[in-house]
């Protein structure tokens, strides 16, 4: 039976992720508040951002930019100002 969570991205109950998909406390927060569907939408957006901006995932500043964009995409701009996780 799938785990059902309230997805803050979709603003409705949906099937949760099978396992944490991001490291650390942010990963735990994502696991508890983001659905499979919302995560799939983010992964599609992530690919677009990497390609359009020619990001190098070996570069720490590129990874930081991508994490910031992920937070905005999944949780909104206000999430950046608070430490919710």
PDB file of N, CA and C in Angstrom:
ATOM      1  N   UNK A   1       0.845  -1.179   0.000  1.00  0.00           N
ATOM      2  CA  UNK A   1       0.000   0.000   0.000  1.00  0.00           C
ATOM      3  C   UNK A   1       0.893   1.246   0.000  1.00  0.00           C
ATOM      4  N   UNK A   2       0.655   2.160  -0.927  1.00  0.00           N
ATOM      5  CA  UNK A   2       1.514   3.356  -1.005  1.00  0.00           C
ATOM      6  C   UNK A   2       1.292   4.308   0.176  1.00  0.00           C
ATOM      7  N   UNK A   3       2.350   5.019   0.497  1.00  0.00           N
ATOM      8  CA  UNK A   3       2.282   6.019   1.556  1.00  0.00           C
ATOM      9  C   UNK A   3       1.584   7.268   0.995  1.00  0.00           C
ATOM     10  N   UNK A   4       0.568   7.742   1.682  1.00  0.00           N
ATOM     11  CA  UNK A   4      -0.159   8.939   1.258  1.00  0.00           C
ATOM     12  C   UNK A   4       0.255  10.102   2.171  1.00  0.00           C
ATOM     13  N   UNK A   5       0.610  11.206   1.547  1.00  0.00           N
ATOM     14  CA  UNK A   5       1.023  12.405   2.286  1.00  0.00           C
ATOM     15  C   UNK A   5       0.255  13.606   1.748  1.00  0.00           C
ATOM     16  N   UNK A   6       0.280  14.691   2.512  1.00  0.00           N
ATOM     17  CA  UNK A   6      -0.245  15.951   1.987  1.00  0.00           C
ATOM     18  C   UNK A   6       0.908  16.640   1.280  1.00  0.00           C
ATOM     19  N   UNK A   7       0.792  16.766  -0.025  1.00  0.00           N
ATOM     20  CA  UNK A   7       1.852  17.366  -0.840  1.00  0.00           C
ATOM     21  C   UNK A   7       1.672  18.890  -0.848  1.00  0.00           C
ATOM     22  N   UNK A   8       2.675  19.593  -0.369  1.00  0.00           N
ATOM     23  CA  UNK A   8       2.585  21.049  -0.316  1.00  0.00           C
ATOM     24  C   UNK A   8       2.709  21.683  -1.700  1.00  0.00           C
ATOM     25  N   UNK A   9       3.244  20.952  -2.660  1.00  0.00           N
ATOM     26  CA  UNK A   9       3.341  21.446  -4.041  1.00  0.00           C
ATOM     27  C   UNK A   9       1.987  21.347  -4.736  1.00  0.00           C
ATOM     28  N   UNK A  10       1.361  20.178  -4.650  1.00  0.00           N
ATOM     29  CA  UNK A  10       0.061  19.960  -5.294  1.00  0.00           C
ATOM     30  C   UNK A  10      -1.102  20.496  -4.470  1.00  0.00           C
ATOM     31  N   UNK A  11      -0.841  20.723  -3.180  1.00  0.00           N
ATOM     32  CA  UNK A  11      -1.864  21.177  -2.240  1.00  0.00           C
ATOM     33  C   UNK A  11      -3.031  20.186  -2.166  1.00  0.00           C
ATOM     34  N   UNK A  12      -2.654  18.907  -2.098  1.00  0.00           N
ATOM     35  CA  UNK A  12      -3.638  17.837  -1.951  1.00  0.00           C
ATOM     36  C   UNK A  12      -2.925  16.574  -1.486  1.00  0.00           C
ATOM     37  N   UNK A  13      -3.708  15.597  -1.029  1.00  0.00           N
ATOM     38  CA  UNK A  13      -3.127  14.315  -0.632  1.00  0.00           C
ATOM     39  C   UNK A  13      -2.747  13.539  -1.881  1.00  0.00           C
ATOM     40  N   UNK A  14      -1.573  12.921  -1.831  1.00  0.00           N
ATOM     41  CA  UNK A  14      -1.070  12.173  -2.984  1.00  0.00           C
ATOM     42  C   UNK A  14      -0.082  11.118  -2.489  1.00  0.00           C
ATOM     43  N   UNK A  15       0.313  10.240  -3.393  1.00  0.00           N
ATOM     44  CA  UNK A  15       1.259   9.192  -3.056  1.00  0.00           C
ATOM     45  C   UNK A  15       2.634   9.791  -2.795  1.00  0.00           C
ATOM     46  N   UNK A  16       3.208   9.416  -1.657  1.00  0.00           N
ATOM     47  CA  UNK A  16       4.518   9.928  -1.273  1.00  0.00           C
ATOM     48  C   UNK A  16       5.651   9.187  -1.954  1.00  0.00           C
ATOM     49  N   UNK A  17       6.831   9.707  -1.803  1.00  0.00           N
ATOM     50  CA  UNK A  17       8.036   9.094  -2.356  1.00  0.00           C
ATOM     51  C   UNK A  17       8.316   7.765  -1.649  1.00  0.00           C
ATOM     52  N   UNK A  18       8.954   6.838  -2.356  1.00  0.00           N
ATOM     53  CA  UNK A  18       9.284   5.535  -1.776  1.00  0.00           C
ATOM     54  C   UNK A  18      10.425   5.627  -0.778  1.00  0.00           C
ATOM     55  N   UNK A  19      11.344   6.550  -1.010  1.00  0.00           N
ATOM     56  CA  UNK A  19      12.512   6.724  -0.155  1.00  0.00           C
ATOM     57  C   UNK A  19      12.998   8.162  -0.293  1.00  0.00           C
ATOM     58  N   UNK A  20      13.761   8.641   0.690  1.00  0.00           N
ATOM     59  CA  UNK A  20      14.319   9.986   0.537  1.00  0.00           C
ATOM     60  C   UNK A  20      15.158  10.067  -0.738  1.00  0.00           C
ATOM     61  N   UNK A  21      15.017  11.163  -1.456  1.00  0.00           N
ATOM     62  CA  UNK A  21      15.686  11.291  -2.752  1.00  0.00           C
ATOM     63  C   UNK A  21      16.664  12.462  -2.776  1.00  0.00           C
ATOM     64  N   UNK A  22      16.908  13.055  -1.624  1.00  0.00           N
ATOM     65  CA  UNK A  22      17.834  14.179  -1.518  1.00  0.00           C
ATOM     66  C   UNK A  22      18.504  14.052  -0.155  1.00  0.00           C
ATOM     67  N   UNK A  23      19.776  14.406  -0.031  1.00  0.00           N
ATOM     68  CA  UNK A  23      20.479  14.204   1.232  1.00  0.00           C
ATOM     69  C   UNK A  23      20.103  15.206   2.326  1.00  0.00           C
ATOM     70  N   UNK A  24      20.404  14.828   3.545  1.00  0.00           N
ATOM     71  CA  UNK A  24      20.299  15.722   4.694  1.00  0.00           C
ATOM     72  C   UNK A  24      18.894  16.015   5.158  1.00  0.00           C
ATOM     73  N   UNK A  25      18.800  17.053   5.976  1.00  0.00           N
ATOM     74  CA  UNK A  25      17.503  17.421   6.556  1.00  0.00           C
ATOM     75  C   UNK A  25      16.532  17.936   5.496  1.00  0.00           C
ATOM     76  N   UNK A  26      17.046  18.593   4.462  1.00  0.00           N
ATOM     77  CA  UNK A  26      16.176  19.019   3.365  1.00  0.00           C
ATOM     78  C   UNK A  26      15.572  17.803   2.670  1.00  0.00           C
ATOM     79  N   UNK A  27      16.361  16.763   2.490  1.00  0.00           N
ATOM     80  CA  UNK A  27      15.869  15.527   1.892  1.00  0.00           C
ATOM     81  C   UNK A  27      14.769  14.889   2.719  1.00  0.00           C
ATOM     82  N   UNK A  28      14.928  14.917   4.029  1.00  0.00           N
ATOM     83  CA  UNK A  28      13.899  14.379   4.920  1.00  0.00           C
ATOM     84  C   UNK A  28      12.612  15.204   4.805  1.00  0.00           C
ATOM     85  N   UNK A  29      12.765  16.512   4.735  1.00  0.00           N
ATOM     86  CA  UNK A  29      11.602  17.398   4.599  1.00  0.00           C
ATOM     87  C   UNK A  29      10.882  17.140   3.275  1.00  0.00           C
ATOM     88  N   UNK A  30      11.643  16.987   2.200  1.00  0.00           N
ATOM     89  CA  UNK A  30      11.060  16.687   0.893  1.00  0.00           C
ATOM     90  C   UNK A  30      10.322  15.354   0.954  1.00  0.00           C
ATOM     91  N   UNK A  31      10.937  14.347   1.552  1.00  0.00           N
ATOM     92  CA  UNK A  31      10.343  13.020   1.670  1.00  0.00           C
ATOM     93  C   UNK A  31       8.989  13.081   2.393  1.00  0.00           C
ATOM     94  N   UNK A  32       8.887  13.933   3.389  1.00  0.00           N
ATOM     95  CA  UNK A  32       7.671  14.018   4.197  1.00  0.00           C
ATOM     96  C   UNK A  32       6.601  14.928   3.601  1.00  0.00           C
ATOM     97  N   UNK A  33       6.960  15.833   2.667  1.00  0.00           N
ATOM     98  CA  UNK A  33       6.009  16.844   2.199  1.00  0.00           C
ATOM     99  C   UNK A  33       5.819  16.941   0.687  1.00  0.00           C
ATOM    100  N   UNK A  34       6.544  16.146  -0.079  1.00  0.00           N
ATOM    101  CA  UNK A  34       6.468  16.229  -1.543  1.00  0.00           C
ATOM    102  C   UNK A  34       6.067  14.861  -2.108  1.00  0.00           C
ATOM    103  N   UNK A  35       5.114  14.854  -3.011  1.00  0.00           N
ATOM    104  CA  UNK A  35       4.613  13.610  -3.606  1.00  0.00           C
ATOM    105  C   UNK A  35       5.504  13.142  -4.754  1.00  0.00           C
ATOM    106  N   UNK A  36       5.258  11.903  -5.175  1.00  0.00           N
ATOM    107  CA  UNK A  36       5.985  11.354  -6.328  1.00  0.00           C
ATOM    108  C   UNK A  36       5.752  12.209  -7.570  1.00  0.00           C
ATOM    109  N   UNK A  37       4.511  12.604  -7.772  1.00  0.00           N
ATOM    110  CA  UNK A  37       4.175  13.407  -8.954  1.00  0.00           C
ATOM    111  C   UNK A  37       4.891  14.755  -8.928  1.00  0.00           C
ATOM    112  N   UNK A  38       4.903  15.415  -7.782  1.00  0.00           N
ATOM    113  CA  UNK A  38       5.577  16.710  -7.662  1.00  0.00           C
ATOM    114  C   UNK A  38       7.080  16.541  -7.872  1.00  0.00           C
ATOM    115  N   UNK A  39       7.672  15.474  -7.325  1.00  0.00           N
ATOM    116  CA  UNK A  39       9.106  15.240  -7.492  1.00  0.00           C
ATOM    117  C   UNK A  39       9.427  14.976  -8.964  1.00  0.00           C
ATOM    118  N   UNK A  40       8.570  14.232  -9.641  1.00  0.00           N
ATOM    119  CA  UNK A  40       8.763  13.961 -11.071  1.00  0.00           C
ATOM    120  C   UNK A  40       8.724  15.264 -11.866  1.00  0.00           C
ATOM    121  N   UNK A  41       7.814  16.169 -11.494  1.00  0.00           N
ATOM    122  CA  UNK A  41       7.742  17.480 -12.171  1.00  0.00           C
ATOM    123  C   UNK A  41       9.022  18.276 -11.924  1.00  0.00           C
ATOM    124  N   UNK A  42       9.540  18.210 -10.700  1.00  0.00           N
ATOM    125  CA  UNK A  42      10.792  18.915 -10.414  1.00  0.00           C
ATOM    126  C   UNK A  42      11.938  18.333 -11.235  1.00  0.00           C
ATOM    127  N   UNK A  43      12.049  17.000 -11.319  1.00  0.00           N
ATOM    128  CA  UNK A  43      13.143  16.381 -12.057  1.00  0.00           C
ATOM    129  C   UNK A  43      13.122  16.808 -13.527  1.00  0.00           C
ATOM    130  N   UNK A  44      11.937  16.950 -14.105  1.00  0.00           N
ATOM    131  CA  UNK A  44      11.835  17.435 -15.483  1.00  0.00           C
ATOM    132  C   UNK A  44      12.333  18.877 -15.585  1.00  0.00           C
ATOM    133  N   UNK A  45      11.924  19.710 -14.627  1.00  0.00           N
ATOM    134  CA  UNK A  45      12.372  21.111 -14.597  1.00  0.00           C
ATOM    135  C   UNK A  45      13.883  21.187 -14.372  1.00  0.00           C
ATOM    136  N   UNK A  46      14.401  20.324 -13.525  1.00  0.00           N
ATOM    137  CA  UNK A  46      15.834  20.299 -13.229  1.00  0.00           C
ATOM    138  C   UNK A  46      16.642  20.041 -14.502  1.00  0.00           C
ATOM    139  N   UNK A  47      16.217  19.098 -15.298  1.00  0.00           N
ATOM    140  CA  UNK A  47      16.912  18.785 -16.553  1.00  0.00           C
ATOM    141  C   UNK A  47      16.934  20.009 -17.467  1.00  0.00           C
ATOM    142  N   UNK A  48      15.800  20.685 -17.551  1.00  0.00           N
ATOM    143  CA  UNK A  48      15.717  21.901 -18.378  1.00  0.00           C
ATOM    144  C   UNK A  48      16.697  22.957 -17.875  1.00  0.00           C
ATOM    145  N   UNK A  49      16.725  23.184 -16.557  1.00  0.00           N
ATOM    146  CA  UNK A  49      17.630  24.188 -15.979  1.00  0.00           C
ATOM    147  C   UNK A  49      19.097  23.839 -16.223  1.00  0.00           C
ATOM    148  N   UNK A  50      19.442  22.576 -16.049  1.00  0.00           N
ATOM    149  CA  UNK A  50      20.827  22.150 -16.270  1.00  0.00           C
ATOM    150  C   UNK A  50      21.234  22.399 -17.715  1.00  0.00           C
ATOM    151  N   UNK A  51      20.376  22.024 -18.633  1.00  0.00           N
ATOM    152  CA  UNK A  51      20.703  22.174 -20.056  1.00  0.00           C
ATOM    153  C   UNK A  51      20.708  23.629 -20.504  1.00  0.00           C
ATOM    154  N   UNK A  52      19.688  24.388 -20.132  1.00  0.00           N
ATOM    155  CA  UNK A  52      19.599  25.784 -20.577  1.00  0.00           C
ATOM    156  C   UNK A  52      20.728  26.640 -20.019  1.00  0.00           C
ATOM    157  N   UNK A  53      21.113  26.369 -18.777  1.00  0.00           N
ATOM    158  CA  UNK A  53      22.149  27.176 -18.134  1.00  0.00           C
ATOM    159  C   UNK A  53      23.538  26.550 -18.214  1.00  0.00           C
ATOM    160  N   UNK A  54      23.615  25.402 -18.894  1.00  0.00           N
ATOM    161  CA  UNK A  54      24.888  24.683 -19.054  1.00  0.00           C
ATOM    162  C   UNK A  54      25.583  24.478 -17.703  1.00  0.00           C
ATOM    163  N   UNK A  55      24.797  23.996 -16.729  1.00  0.00           N
ATOM    164  CA  UNK A  55      25.329  23.798 -15.383  1.00  0.00           C
ATOM    165  C   UNK A  55      26.243  22.588 -15.337  1.00  0.00           C
ATOM    166  N   UNK A  56      27.262  22.690 -14.509  1.00  0.00           N
ATOM    167  CA  UNK A  56      28.205  21.610 -14.274  1.00  0.00           C
ATOM    168  C   UNK A  56      27.991  21.130 -12.845  1.00  0.00           C
ATOM    169  N   UNK A  57      27.526  19.905 -12.685  1.00  0.00           N
ATOM    170  CA  UNK A  57      27.209  19.402 -11.347  1.00  0.00           C
ATOM    171  C   UNK A  57      28.446  19.126 -10.502  1.00  0.00           C
ATOM    172  N   UNK A  58      29.619  19.282 -11.084  1.00  0.00           N
ATOM    173  CA  UNK A  58      30.860  19.200 -10.307  1.00  0.00           C
ATOM    174  C   UNK A  58      31.195  20.562  -9.679  1.00  0.00           C
ATOM    175  N   UNK A  59      30.522  21.604 -10.106  1.00  0.00           N
ATOM    176  CA  UNK A  59      30.749  22.966  -9.625  1.00  0.00           C
ATOM    177  C   UNK A  59      29.782  23.250  -8.473  1.00  0.00           C
ATOM    178  N   UNK A  60      30.330  23.575  -7.312  1.00  0.00           N
ATOM    179  CA  UNK A  60      29.501  23.774  -6.117  1.00  0.00           C
ATOM    180  C   UNK A  60      28.524  24.944  -6.268  1.00  0.00           C
ATOM    181  N   UNK A  61      28.933  25.989  -6.973  1.00  0.00           N
ATOM    182  CA  UNK A  61      28.019  27.129  -7.145  1.00  0.00           C
ATOM    183  C   UNK A  61      26.854  26.759  -8.072  1.00  0.00           C
ATOM    184  N   UNK A  62      27.087  25.898  -9.047  1.00  0.00           N
ATOM    185  CA  UNK A  62      25.993  25.431  -9.912  1.00  0.00           C
ATOM    186  C   UNK A  62      25.031  24.551  -9.124  1.00  0.00           C
ATOM    187  N   UNK A  63      25.568  23.701  -8.261  1.00  0.00           N
ATOM    188  CA  UNK A  63      24.703  22.847  -7.426  1.00  0.00           C
ATOM    189  C   UNK A  63      23.897  23.690  -6.446  1.00  0.00           C
ATOM    190  N   UNK A  64      24.507  24.723  -5.890  1.00  0.00           N
ATOM    191  CA  UNK A  64      23.797  25.612  -4.960  1.00  0.00           C
ATOM    192  C   UNK A  64      22.676  26.347  -5.680  1.00  0.00           C
ATOM    193  N   UNK A  65      22.938  26.792  -6.908  1.00  0.00           N
ATOM    194  CA  UNK A  65      21.902  27.477  -7.690  1.00  0.00           C
ATOM    195  C   UNK A  65      20.741  26.533  -7.976  1.00  0.00           C
ATOM    196  N   UNK A  66      21.053  25.290  -8.308  1.00  0.00           N
ATOM    197  CA  UNK A  66      20.019  24.312  -8.606  1.00  0.00           C
ATOM    198  C   UNK A  66      19.195  23.981  -7.357  1.00  0.00           C
ATOM    199  N   UNK A  67      19.849  23.889  -6.208  1.00  0.00           N
ATOM    200  CA  UNK A  67      19.118  23.641  -4.955  1.00  0.00           C
ATOM    201  C   UNK A  67      18.183  24.809  -4.638  1.00  0.00           C
ATOM    202  N   UNK A  68      18.655  26.017  -4.848  1.00  0.00           N
ATOM    203  CA  UNK A  68      17.814  27.202  -4.618  1.00  0.00           C
ATOM    204  C   UNK A  68      16.590  27.163  -5.529  1.00  0.00           C
ATOM    205  N   UNK A  69      16.807  26.835  -6.806  1.00  0.00           N
ATOM    206  CA  UNK A  69      15.692  26.748  -7.754  1.00  0.00           C
ATOM    207  C   UNK A  69      14.722  25.637  -7.370  1.00  0.00           C
ATOM    208  N   UNK A  70      15.244  24.533  -6.829  1.00  0.00           N
ATOM    209  CA  UNK A  70      14.397  23.434  -6.381  1.00  0.00           C
ATOM    210  C   UNK A  70      13.494  23.879  -5.237  1.00  0.00           C
ATOM    211  N   UNK A  71      14.063  24.598  -4.272  1.00  0.00           N
ATOM    212  CA  UNK A  71      13.286  25.085  -3.138  1.00  0.00           C
ATOM    213  C   UNK A  71      12.180  26.023  -3.611  1.00  0.00           C
ATOM    214  N   UNK A  72      12.503  26.916  -4.523  1.00  0.00           N
ATOM    215  CA  UNK A  72      11.503  27.846  -5.054  1.00  0.00           C
ATOM    216  C   UNK A  72      10.426  27.076  -5.810  1.00  0.00           C
ATOM    217  N   UNK A  73      10.818  26.133  -6.642  1.00  0.00           N
ATOM    218  CA  UNK A  73       9.866  25.364  -7.438  1.00  0.00           C
ATOM    219  C   UNK A  73       8.915  24.558  -6.553  1.00  0.00           C
ATOM    220  N   UNK A  74       9.459  23.851  -5.576  1.00  0.00           N
ATOM    221  CA  UNK A  74       8.642  22.959  -4.752  1.00  0.00           C
ATOM    222  C   UNK A  74       7.872  23.667  -3.647  1.00  0.00           C
ATOM    223  N   UNK A  75       8.480  24.700  -3.056  1.00  0.00           N
ATOM    224  CA  UNK A  75       7.900  25.295  -1.849  1.00  0.00           C
ATOM    225  C   UNK A  75       7.555  26.772  -1.972  1.00  0.00           C
ATOM    226  N   UNK A  76       8.035  27.454  -2.988  1.00  0.00           N
ATOM    227  CA  UNK A  76       7.770  28.876  -3.156  1.00  0.00           C
ATOM    228  C   UNK A  76       8.910  29.737  -2.634  1.00  0.00           C
ATOM    229  N   UNK A  77       8.907  31.007  -3.058  1.00  0.00           N
ATOM    230  CA  UNK A  77       9.990  31.936  -2.682  1.00  0.00           C
ATOM    231  C   UNK A  77      10.079  32.169  -1.186  1.00  0.00           C
ATOM    232  N   UNK A  78       8.951  32.143  -0.481  1.00  0.00           N
ATOM    233  CA  UNK A  78       8.961  32.379   0.964  1.00  0.00           C
ATOM    234  C   UNK A  78       9.750  31.327   1.712  1.00  0.00           C
ATOM    235  N   UNK A  79       9.885  30.139   1.128  1.00  0.00           N
ATOM    236  CA  UNK A  79      10.619  29.059   1.770  1.00  0.00           C
ATOM    237  C   UNK A  79      12.090  29.406   1.955  1.00  0.00           C
ATOM    238  N   UNK A  80      12.627  30.236   1.079  1.00  0.00           N
ATOM    239  CA  UNK A  80      14.037  30.618   1.164  1.00  0.00           C
ATOM    240  C   UNK A  80      14.333  31.436   2.413  1.00  0.00           C
ATOM    241  N   UNK A  81      13.341  32.171   2.891  1.00  0.00           N
ATOM    242  CA  UNK A  81      13.529  33.062   4.038  1.00  0.00           C
ATOM    243  C   UNK A  81      13.393  32.352   5.374  1.00  0.00           C
ATOM    244  N   UNK A  82      12.898  31.118   5.368  1.00  0.00           N
ATOM    245  CA  UNK A  82      12.677  30.396   6.616  1.00  0.00           C
ATOM    246  C   UNK A  82      13.454  29.091   6.608  1.00  0.00           C
ATOM    247  N   UNK A  83      13.746  28.606   7.766  1.00  0.00           N
ATOM    248  CA  UNK A  83      14.428  27.317   7.915  1.00  0.00           C
ATOM    249  C   UNK A  83      13.368  26.322   8.377  1.00  0.00           C
ATOM    250  N   UNK A  84      12.574  25.798   7.439  1.00  0.00           N
ATOM    251  CA  UNK A  84      11.468  24.888   7.755  1.00  0.00           C
ATOM    252  C   UNK A  84      11.917  23.447   7.935  1.00  0.00           C
ATOM    253  N   UNK A  85      13.118  23.136   7.631  1.00  0.00           N
ATOM    254  CA  UNK A  85      13.564  21.744   7.665  1.00  0.00           C
ATOM    255  C   UNK A  85      14.734  21.560   8.600  1.00  0.00           C
TER     256      UNK A  85
END
